[in-house]
Amino acid sequence: MHEEGAAVRIILSTCGDRAEADRISHVLVESELAACVNLVPGVQSVYRWQGKVESAIEILLVIKTSSARVKEVEKAVAELHSYAVPEFLVLEVQGGSEPYLDWLFGNLK
């Protein structure tokens, strides 16, 4: 059963090391703010920071949650993250298989 009015959201964030990515992922799933977090290592990021072009190898977090939990996830990521401005991009999901969506919503508080 899906939460009334809730929709699936994918949140993208990056971490500078595996320990931080593991910590954030585990907190989100254990606290039932995310049903699943995929950790994608080896992401090459090129970005501008404080006026300079920087490059870093990061770990991409693909966080699966509901629209109802986005603000809580954002707060948790901000508190747990070492970056001054952590990436936090929310993507709308247009659909998915009913069994997967049931599982996803069943694993959120």
N, C-alpha and C. Protein backbone atom coordinates (compact mmCIF):
# COMPACT_ATOMS: atom_id res chain seq x y z
N MET A 1 0.85 -1.18 0.00
CA MET A 1 0.00 0.00 0.00
C MET A 1 0.89 1.24 0.00
N HIS A 2 0.60 2.18 -0.87
CA HIS A 2 1.39 3.40 -0.98
C HIS A 2 0.84 4.46 -0.04
N GLU A 3 1.75 5.33 0.43
CA GLU A 3 1.33 6.46 1.25
C GLU A 3 0.40 7.35 0.45
N GLU A 4 -0.61 7.87 1.09
CA GLU A 4 -1.56 8.75 0.42
C GLU A 4 -0.84 9.99 -0.12
N GLY A 5 -0.91 10.20 -1.42
CA GLY A 5 -0.35 11.39 -2.04
C GLY A 5 1.16 11.37 -2.23
N ALA A 6 1.84 10.31 -1.79
CA ALA A 6 3.30 10.26 -1.92
C ALA A 6 3.69 9.71 -3.28
N ALA A 7 4.80 10.19 -3.80
CA ALA A 7 5.35 9.72 -5.06
C ALA A 7 6.81 9.35 -4.84
N VAL A 8 7.33 8.52 -5.70
CA VAL A 8 8.73 8.10 -5.60
C VAL A 8 9.64 9.24 -6.02
N ARG A 9 10.72 9.40 -5.30
CA ARG A 9 11.76 10.36 -5.64
C ARG A 9 13.11 9.66 -5.61
N ILE A 10 13.96 10.03 -6.55
CA ILE A 10 15.36 9.61 -6.58
C ILE A 10 16.17 10.84 -6.21
N ILE A 11 17.05 10.69 -5.25
CA ILE A 11 17.92 11.78 -4.84
C ILE A 11 19.35 11.40 -5.18
N LEU A 12 20.06 12.32 -5.82
CA LEU A 12 21.47 12.12 -6.15
C LEU A 12 22.32 12.95 -5.21
N SER A 13 23.35 12.33 -4.68
CA SER A 13 24.33 13.03 -3.86
C SER A 13 25.67 12.36 -4.07
N THR A 14 26.75 13.06 -3.81
CA THR A 14 28.08 12.47 -3.96
C THR A 14 28.84 12.59 -2.65
N CYS A 15 29.76 11.65 -2.44
CA CYS A 15 30.63 11.64 -1.26
C CYS A 15 32.07 11.50 -1.72
N GLY A 16 32.97 12.04 -0.93
CA GLY A 16 34.38 12.00 -1.27
C GLY A 16 35.08 10.70 -0.93
N ASP A 17 34.48 9.88 -0.04
CA ASP A 17 35.11 8.61 0.29
C ASP A 17 34.06 7.56 0.66
N ARG A 18 34.48 6.32 0.63
CA ARG A 18 33.58 5.18 0.84
C ARG A 18 33.01 5.16 2.26
N ALA A 19 33.83 5.50 3.25
CA ALA A 19 33.35 5.47 4.64
C ALA A 19 32.17 6.42 4.83
N GLU A 20 32.28 7.62 4.29
CA GLU A 20 31.18 8.59 4.41
C GLU A 20 29.96 8.10 3.64
N ALA A 21 30.15 7.58 2.44
CA ALA A 21 29.04 7.06 1.65
C ALA A 21 28.33 5.91 2.38
N ASP A 22 29.10 5.01 2.96
CA ASP A 22 28.53 3.90 3.73
C ASP A 22 27.73 4.41 4.92
N ARG A 23 28.31 5.35 5.66
CA ARG A 23 27.66 5.89 6.86
C ARG A 23 26.33 6.55 6.51
N ILE A 24 26.34 7.42 5.53
CA ILE A 24 25.11 8.12 5.13
C ILE A 24 24.06 7.12 4.64
N SER A 25 24.47 6.17 3.80
CA SER A 25 23.54 5.18 3.26
C SER A 25 22.90 4.36 4.36
N HIS A 26 23.72 3.89 5.30
CA HIS A 26 23.19 3.07 6.38
C HIS A 26 22.24 3.85 7.28
N VAL A 27 22.57 5.08 7.60
CA VAL A 27 21.67 5.89 8.42
C VAL A 27 20.33 6.09 7.72
N LEU A 28 20.35 6.40 6.44
CA LEU A 28 19.11 6.64 5.70
C LEU A 28 18.23 5.40 5.65
N VAL A 29 18.83 4.24 5.40
CA VAL A 29 18.04 3.01 5.30
C VAL A 29 17.61 2.53 6.69
N GLU A 30 18.52 2.56 7.67
CA GLU A 30 18.17 2.11 9.01
C GLU A 30 17.08 2.97 9.65
N SER A 31 17.05 4.26 9.34
CA SER A 31 16.03 5.15 9.89
C SER A 31 14.76 5.16 9.04
N GLU A 32 14.72 4.34 8.01
CA GLU A 32 13.58 4.20 7.10
C GLU A 32 13.23 5.50 6.36
N LEU A 33 14.24 6.34 6.14
CA LEU A 33 14.06 7.53 5.31
C LEU A 33 14.26 7.19 3.83
N ALA A 34 15.01 6.13 3.57
CA ALA A 34 15.23 5.64 2.21
C ALA A 34 15.01 4.13 2.22
N ALA A 35 14.41 3.62 1.15
CA ALA A 35 14.22 2.18 1.03
C ALA A 35 15.51 1.51 0.57
N CYS A 36 16.30 2.23 -0.21
CA CYS A 36 17.52 1.69 -0.80
C CYS A 36 18.43 2.85 -1.19
N VAL A 37 19.73 2.63 -1.06
CA VAL A 37 20.71 3.58 -1.56
C VAL A 37 21.74 2.78 -2.36
N ASN A 38 21.91 3.13 -3.63
CA ASN A 38 22.97 2.53 -4.44
C ASN A 38 24.21 3.39 -4.32
N LEU A 39 25.36 2.75 -4.13
CA LEU A 39 26.64 3.44 -4.08
C LEU A 39 27.39 3.12 -5.37
N VAL A 40 27.67 4.15 -6.15
CA VAL A 40 28.33 3.98 -7.44
C VAL A 40 29.74 4.58 -7.31
N PRO A 41 30.75 3.74 -7.12
CA PRO A 41 32.11 4.27 -6.94
C PRO A 41 32.72 4.71 -8.26
N GLY A 42 33.77 5.51 -8.15
CA GLY A 42 34.57 5.87 -9.33
C GLY A 42 33.97 6.93 -10.22
N VAL A 43 33.06 7.74 -9.69
CA VAL A 43 32.47 8.82 -10.48
C VAL A 43 33.46 9.97 -10.56
N GLN A 44 33.82 10.37 -11.75
CA GLN A 44 34.73 11.50 -11.95
C GLN A 44 33.89 12.77 -12.02
N SER A 45 34.10 13.69 -11.10
CA SER A 45 33.35 14.95 -11.07
C SER A 45 34.29 16.10 -11.41
N VAL A 46 33.83 16.97 -12.29
CA VAL A 46 34.54 18.20 -12.63
C VAL A 46 33.58 19.33 -12.31
N TYR A 47 34.01 20.29 -11.50
CA TYR A 47 33.11 21.32 -11.00
C TYR A 47 33.89 22.57 -10.65
N ARG A 48 33.18 23.66 -10.50
CA ARG A 48 33.80 24.90 -10.07
C ARG A 48 33.54 25.09 -8.58
N TRP A 49 34.59 25.35 -7.82
CA TRP A 49 34.47 25.59 -6.38
C TRP A 49 35.38 26.74 -6.00
N GLN A 50 34.78 27.75 -5.42
CA GLN A 50 35.51 28.95 -4.96
C GLN A 50 36.37 29.54 -6.07
N GLY A 51 35.79 29.61 -7.27
CA GLY A 51 36.45 30.27 -8.39
C GLY A 51 37.43 29.42 -9.18
N LYS A 52 37.67 28.18 -8.74
CA LYS A 52 38.61 27.30 -9.44
C LYS A 52 37.89 26.07 -9.97
N VAL A 53 38.35 25.59 -11.12
CA VAL A 53 37.83 24.32 -11.64
C VAL A 53 38.56 23.20 -10.91
N GLU A 54 37.78 22.32 -10.30
CA GLU A 54 38.31 21.20 -9.52
C GLU A 54 37.91 19.89 -10.19
N SER A 55 38.57 18.83 -9.81
CA SER A 55 38.26 17.49 -10.28
C SER A 55 38.44 16.53 -9.12
N ALA A 56 37.52 15.58 -8.98
CA ALA A 56 37.61 14.63 -7.88
C ALA A 56 36.95 13.31 -8.28
N ILE A 57 37.46 12.24 -7.71
CA ILE A 57 36.81 10.94 -7.82
C ILE A 57 35.88 10.84 -6.61
N GLU A 58 34.60 10.59 -6.88
CA GLU A 58 33.61 10.55 -5.81
C GLU A 58 32.77 9.27 -5.90
N ILE A 59 31.95 9.08 -4.90
CA ILE A 59 30.99 7.99 -4.88
C ILE A 59 29.61 8.61 -5.01
N LEU A 60 28.87 8.19 -6.02
CA LEU A 60 27.52 8.69 -6.24
C LEU A 60 26.54 7.88 -5.41
N LEU A 61 25.70 8.58 -4.65
CA LEU A 61 24.61 7.94 -3.92
C LEU A 61 23.33 8.13 -4.73
N VAL A 62 22.64 7.03 -5.00
CA VAL A 62 21.34 7.06 -5.66
C VAL A 62 20.34 6.62 -4.58
N ILE A 63 19.64 7.60 -4.04
CA ILE A 63 18.78 7.39 -2.87
C ILE A 63 17.34 7.25 -3.34
N LYS A 64 16.66 6.16 -2.95
CA LYS A 64 15.27 5.93 -3.33
C LYS A 64 14.37 6.18 -2.13
N THR A 65 13.46 7.13 -2.27
CA THR A 65 12.60 7.51 -1.18
C THR A 65 11.26 8.00 -1.72
N SER A 66 10.46 8.60 -0.86
CA SER A 66 9.17 9.16 -1.28
C SER A 66 9.21 10.67 -1.20
N SER A 67 8.28 11.28 -1.91
CA SER A 67 8.19 12.74 -1.86
C SER A 67 7.95 13.23 -0.43
N ALA A 68 7.27 12.41 0.36
CA ALA A 68 6.97 12.79 1.74
C ALA A 68 8.21 12.80 2.64
N ARG A 69 9.28 12.13 2.22
CA ARG A 69 10.49 12.02 3.05
C ARG A 69 11.66 12.90 2.57
N VAL A 70 11.49 13.62 1.48
CA VAL A 70 12.60 14.36 0.88
C VAL A 70 13.23 15.34 1.87
N LYS A 71 12.44 16.12 2.57
CA LYS A 71 13.00 17.12 3.50
C LYS A 71 13.76 16.46 4.63
N GLU A 72 13.27 15.32 5.13
CA GLU A 72 13.98 14.60 6.18
C GLU A 72 15.30 14.03 5.67
N VAL A 73 15.29 13.52 4.44
CA VAL A 73 16.51 13.01 3.84
C VAL A 73 17.51 14.15 3.66
N GLU A 74 17.04 15.28 3.19
CA GLU A 74 17.92 16.44 2.99
C GLU A 74 18.57 16.87 4.31
N LYS A 75 17.79 16.90 5.37
CA LYS A 75 18.32 17.28 6.68
C LYS A 75 19.37 16.27 7.15
N ALA A 76 19.09 14.99 6.99
CA ALA A 76 20.03 13.95 7.42
C ALA A 76 21.33 14.02 6.61
N VAL A 77 21.22 14.18 5.31
CA VAL A 77 22.42 14.27 4.47
C VAL A 77 23.25 15.49 4.88
N ALA A 78 22.61 16.62 5.08
CA ALA A 78 23.34 17.84 5.48
C ALA A 78 24.06 17.64 6.81
N GLU A 79 23.42 16.95 7.76
CA GLU A 79 24.03 16.74 9.07
C GLU A 79 25.19 15.75 9.02
N LEU A 80 25.10 14.74 8.16
CA LEU A 80 26.09 13.67 8.11
C LEU A 80 27.24 13.93 7.15
N HIS A 81 27.07 14.86 6.23
CA HIS A 81 28.01 15.07 5.14
C HIS A 81 29.16 15.99 5.55
N SER A 82 30.33 15.72 5.01
CA SER A 82 31.50 16.55 5.31
C SER A 82 31.62 17.75 4.36
N TYR A 83 30.94 17.72 3.21
CA TYR A 83 31.04 18.83 2.27
C TYR A 83 30.30 20.05 2.80
N ALA A 84 30.83 21.23 2.53
CA ALA A 84 30.16 22.48 2.91
C ALA A 84 28.84 22.61 2.15
N VAL A 85 28.83 22.17 0.89
CA VAL A 85 27.62 22.22 0.06
C VAL A 85 27.45 20.86 -0.62
N PRO A 86 26.85 19.89 0.07
CA PRO A 86 26.70 18.58 -0.56
C PRO A 86 25.70 18.62 -1.71
N GLU A 87 26.00 17.84 -2.73
CA GLU A 87 25.04 17.70 -3.83
C GLU A 87 23.75 17.09 -3.27
N PHE A 88 22.62 17.65 -3.67
CA PHE A 88 21.32 17.12 -3.27
C PHE A 88 20.33 17.48 -4.36
N LEU A 89 20.16 16.57 -5.31
CA LEU A 89 19.26 16.78 -6.44
C LEU A 89 18.12 15.78 -6.36
N VAL A 90 16.90 16.26 -6.45
CA VAL A 90 15.71 15.42 -6.34
C VAL A 90 15.09 15.24 -7.73
N LEU A 91 14.92 13.99 -8.13
CA LEU A 91 14.35 13.66 -9.42
C LEU A 91 12.98 13.01 -9.23
N GLU A 92 12.02 13.43 -10.04
CA GLU A 92 10.70 12.80 -10.01
C GLU A 92 10.75 11.50 -10.80
N VAL A 93 10.04 10.50 -10.31
CA VAL A 93 9.94 9.22 -10.99
C VAL A 93 8.55 9.14 -11.61
N GLN A 94 8.50 8.81 -12.88
CA GLN A 94 7.24 8.77 -13.61
C GLN A 94 6.45 7.48 -13.37
N GLY A 95 7.12 6.43 -12.99
CA GLY A 95 6.43 5.16 -12.77
C GLY A 95 7.40 4.08 -12.39
N GLY A 96 6.88 2.88 -12.22
CA GLY A 96 7.70 1.73 -11.87
C GLY A 96 6.79 0.53 -11.73
N SER A 97 7.40 -0.65 -11.57
CA SER A 97 6.57 -1.84 -11.41
C SER A 97 5.85 -1.79 -10.07
N GLU A 98 4.63 -2.23 -10.06
CA GLU A 98 3.82 -2.19 -8.84
C GLU A 98 4.48 -2.97 -7.69
N PRO A 99 5.02 -4.18 -7.94
CA PRO A 99 5.68 -4.90 -6.84
C PRO A 99 6.87 -4.12 -6.25
N TYR A 100 7.67 -3.48 -7.13
CA TYR A 100 8.81 -2.71 -6.62
C TYR A 100 8.34 -1.50 -5.83
N LEU A 101 7.35 -0.80 -6.35
CA LEU A 101 6.83 0.37 -5.64
C LEU A 101 6.23 -0.02 -4.30
N ASP A 102 5.52 -1.16 -4.25
CA ASP A 102 4.99 -1.64 -2.97
C ASP A 102 6.13 -1.92 -2.00
N TRP A 103 7.20 -2.55 -2.48
CA TRP A 103 8.36 -2.82 -1.62
C TRP A 103 8.97 -1.52 -1.13
N LEU A 104 9.17 -0.56 -2.04
CA LEU A 104 9.79 0.72 -1.69
C LEU A 104 8.99 1.41 -0.60
N PHE A 105 7.70 1.61 -0.81
CA PHE A 105 6.90 2.31 0.19
C PHE A 105 6.77 1.51 1.48
N GLY A 106 6.82 0.19 1.38
CA GLY A 106 6.76 -0.65 2.57
C GLY A 106 7.98 -0.56 3.45
N ASN A 107 9.08 -0.01 2.92
CA ASN A 107 10.32 0.11 3.67
C ASN A 107 10.64 1.53 4.10
N LEU A 108 9.64 2.39 4.06
CA LEU A 108 9.78 3.78 4.53
C LEU A 108 8.89 3.98 5.73
N LYS A 109 9.34 4.82 6.66
CA LYS A 109 8.48 5.10 7.83
C LYS A 109 7.39 6.09 7.48
